[in-house]
Amino acid sequence: MLLRTRITLNARPLLRTYASSAGPNALVFLEHRDGVLDSGSLSAVTAAGQLGGKVTGLITGGPEIKDMVEKAKK
């Protein structure tokens, strides 16, 4: 008995593709005291923005949190 194998002639060559995001995403924890954002936190936001990806800031605190969010957006 003779075994036959089927050969496909229109097969594409194997190509490697990698999933990648548009840029690195960053999560920055913003520190504040007495209504003033910490300068180190602001520097971290600036550095994360220069990477080219999405930057997300996280601020926790009391009643002055809305003011802190507005300052951080600038």
C-alpha atoms as a PDB file:
ATOM      1  CA  MET A   1       0.000   0.000   0.000  1.00  0.00           C
ATOM      2  CA  LEU A   2       1.353   3.401  -0.994  1.00  0.00           C
ATOM      3  CA  LEU A   3       0.768   6.430   1.268  1.00  0.00           C
ATOM      4  CA  ARG A   4       0.151   9.750  -0.394  1.00  0.00           C
ATOM      5  CA  THR A   5       0.584  13.155   1.175  1.00  0.00           C
ATOM      6  CA  ARG A   6      -1.248  16.243   0.046  1.00  0.00           C
ATOM      7  CA  ILE A   7       0.978  19.211  -0.771  1.00  0.00           C
ATOM      8  CA  THR A   8      -0.450  22.700  -0.778  1.00  0.00           C
ATOM      9  CA  LEU A   9       1.321  24.984  -3.186  1.00  0.00           C
ATOM     10  CA  ASN A  10      -0.387  28.219  -2.210  1.00  0.00           C
ATOM     11  CA  ALA A  11       0.753  28.223   1.409  1.00  0.00           C
ATOM     12  CA  ARG A  12       1.943  31.593   2.726  1.00  0.00           C
ATOM     13  CA  PRO A  13       5.358  31.838   4.339  1.00  0.00           C
ATOM     14  CA  LEU A  14       5.243  32.080   8.107  1.00  0.00           C
ATOM     15  CA  LEU A  15       5.405  35.668   9.318  1.00  0.00           C
ATOM     16  CA  ARG A  16       5.811  36.719  12.895  1.00  0.00           C
ATOM     17  CA  THR A  17       3.644  39.532  14.112  1.00  0.00           C
ATOM     18  CA  TYR A  18       3.744  40.979  17.567  1.00  0.00           C
ATOM     19  CA  ALA A  19       1.020  42.836  19.382  1.00  0.00           C
ATOM     20  CA  SER A  20       2.216  46.171  20.629  1.00  0.00           C
ATOM     21  CA  SER A  21       0.557  49.247  22.063  1.00  0.00           C
ATOM     22  CA  ALA A  22       0.939  52.745  20.697  1.00  0.00           C
ATOM     23  CA  GLY A  23       3.213  53.660  23.571  1.00  0.00           C
ATOM     24  CA  PRO A  24       3.911  52.731  27.147  1.00  0.00           C
ATOM     25  CA  ASN A  25       1.078  53.578  29.514  1.00  0.00           C
ATOM     26  CA  ALA A  26       1.860  55.083  32.913  1.00  0.00           C
ATOM     27  CA  LEU A  27       0.040  55.315  36.213  1.00  0.00           C
ATOM     28  CA  VAL A  28       1.367  58.117  38.421  1.00  0.00           C
ATOM     29  CA  PHE A  29       0.476  58.480  42.096  1.00  0.00           C
ATOM     30  CA  LEU A  30       0.258  62.191  42.881  1.00  0.00           C
ATOM     31  CA  GLU A  31       1.119  63.305  46.397  1.00  0.00           C
ATOM     32  CA  HIS A  32      -0.121  66.524  47.965  1.00  0.00           C
ATOM     33  CA  ARG A  33       0.092  68.340  51.280  1.00  0.00           C
ATOM     34  CA  ASP A  34      -1.975  71.263  52.490  1.00  0.00           C
ATOM     35  CA  GLY A  35      -3.455  71.922  49.051  1.00  0.00           C
ATOM     36  CA  VAL A  36      -0.120  71.820  47.181  1.00  0.00           C
ATOM     37  CA  LEU A  37       0.924  69.085  44.768  1.00  0.00           C
ATOM     38  CA  ASP A  38       4.362  67.621  45.434  1.00  0.00           C
ATOM     39  CA  SER A  39       6.939  68.770  42.854  1.00  0.00           C
ATOM     40  CA  GLY A  40       8.268  65.226  42.508  1.00  0.00           C
ATOM     41  CA  SER A  41       4.814  64.031  41.506  1.00  0.00           C
ATOM     42  CA  LEU A  42       4.537  66.744  38.871  1.00  0.00           C
ATOM     43  CA  SER A  43       7.954  65.766  37.511  1.00  0.00           C
ATOM     44  CA  ALA A  44       6.779  62.158  37.283  1.00  0.00           C
ATOM     45  CA  VAL A  45       3.729  63.235  35.260  1.00  0.00           C
ATOM     46  CA  THR A  46       5.936  65.253  32.906  1.00  0.00           C
ATOM     47  CA  ALA A  47       8.343  62.336  32.419  1.00  0.00           C
ATOM     48  CA  ALA A  48       5.483  59.891  31.824  1.00  0.00           C
ATOM     49  CA  GLY A  49       3.997  62.230  29.215  1.00  0.00           C
ATOM     50  CA  GLN A  50       7.284  62.301  27.318  1.00  0.00           C
ATOM     51  CA  LEU A  51       7.106  58.516  26.866  1.00  0.00           C
ATOM     52  CA  GLY A  52       4.264  59.007  24.407  1.00  0.00           C
ATOM     53  CA  GLY A  53       1.605  56.763  25.902  1.00  0.00           C
ATOM     54  CA  LYS A  54      -1.458  57.347  28.001  1.00  0.00           C
ATOM     55  CA  VAL A  55      -0.821  58.920  31.419  1.00  0.00           C
ATOM     56  CA  THR A  56      -3.228  58.314  34.284  1.00  0.00           C
ATOM     57  CA  GLY A  57      -2.859  60.170  37.564  1.00  0.00           C
ATOM     58  CA  LEU A  58      -4.206  58.941  40.894  1.00  0.00           C
ATOM     59  CA  ILE A  59      -4.879  61.411  43.693  1.00  0.00           C
ATOM     60  CA  THR A  60      -6.407  60.500  47.027  1.00  0.00           C
ATOM     61  CA  GLY A  61      -7.399  62.839  49.786  1.00  0.00           C
ATOM     62  CA  GLY A  62     -10.026  64.853  51.509  1.00  0.00           C
ATOM     63  CA  PRO A  63     -12.286  67.729  50.527  1.00  0.00           C
ATOM     64  CA  GLU A  64      -9.571  69.622  48.593  1.00  0.00           C
ATOM     65  CA  ILE A  65      -9.297  66.803  46.062  1.00  0.00           C
ATOM     66  CA  LYS A  66     -11.222  68.679  43.339  1.00  0.00           C
ATOM     67  CA  ASP A  67      -8.701  71.529  43.467  1.00  0.00           C
ATOM     68  CA  MET A  68      -5.842  69.036  43.270  1.00  0.00           C
ATOM     69  CA  VAL A  69      -7.323  67.408  40.178  1.00  0.00           C
ATOM     70  CA  GLU A  70      -7.593  70.758  38.403  1.00  0.00           C
ATOM     71  CA  LYS A  71      -3.977  71.627  39.290  1.00  0.00           C
ATOM     72  CA  ALA A  72      -2.769  68.239  38.066  1.00  0.00           C
ATOM     73  CA  LYS A  73      -4.534  68.646  34.699  1.00  0.00           C
ATOM     74  CA  LYS A  74      -2.429  71.724  33.954  1.00  0.00           C
END
